[in-house]
Amino acid sequence: EPTVRTELMEQIPPIAIFLQESRPKFPTAFFEYLMPIVVRYLTDVNNQVRKAGQEALLILLEQDLVAQNDIENKVCPILLDLSAPDSDDEYKVEAVNIICKMASMLSRTTVEHMLLPRFCELCSDGKLFQVRKICAANFGDICNAVGQEATERLLIPKFFELCSDSVWGMRKACAECFMAVSYTTSPEVRRSKLSPLFISLISDTCRWVRQAAFQSLGPFISTFANPSSAGLYIREDGTLSIRPSTQDVNSNSCQPSNNITLIDSSRNAT
């Protein structure tokens, strides 16, 4: 019964946390019994069961409860199978969504060697625009997960493809994540490659794309600033923020309300 499997999957994360806290008594219970169930339910025939399995997997990864060996030998292989070119459309869309969400929770080496090649393939998926849309919407997160070298060598060419996609929603998604992509690149790539690309988006024939580009203009310009002098930085959630200088902090040390105002105003600006 699908509802039973769904309910079971929702209980896996709290059980895993309990087992971790009681590891001396249950040293291998999670890895031997529960993790195989999570992996198996990622390919369940029922959509709700698969969704519950995906959510459980992300919670387990976020809580650092999945061993590196299981990530590389169980989780990544099944996601690569589900996102293969000949995979079922529904499974493929779900798999690329999970790949994008879990990238920030895995080590850079694992993402670059196991998931990045498939992500680059999915960016050029000519069959499903939904797959390309997910890739475009999460492009900044993938860049941040793999770092500057892999971004400039492998991801920037794919970003150019998505920015010129025939579907305007793809170009809009690229405009919205432009700042996060730019932040991961070197000043030279930012100036010589991304600037002309941004101009093409801000001059796009679709007004929704242009509007998204104009909204990203300020954040994109901010990536050209020197973080040490400008105090600009990217939060973990991908938004731009302002770090008050040491002088400002010292001058306002007796006025905590000023610091709160600064933080709030920077959030509103983003």
Foldseek 3Di string as FASTA:
>chain_A
DLVVLLVVLLCLQVVLVVCVVVCVVVVCCCVPPPLVSLLVQCPDPDPSSNVSSLVSVLSCLVVVSDDPCCCQPGVLVSLCVQCDLPHDPVSNLVSLLSLLSCLLSDALVCCVPRPVVSLLVQCPNPPDVSSVLSSLLSVLSSLVSNAAPCCVPRVVVSLLVQCPDPDVSSVQSNLQLVLSSLLRYDLVCLPPPVVVSLVCQCVDPDVSSVVSNVLCVVSSVCSNDDCVVQQWDADPVGDIFGDDDPVVCVVCVVPVVVVVVRRVVRVVSD
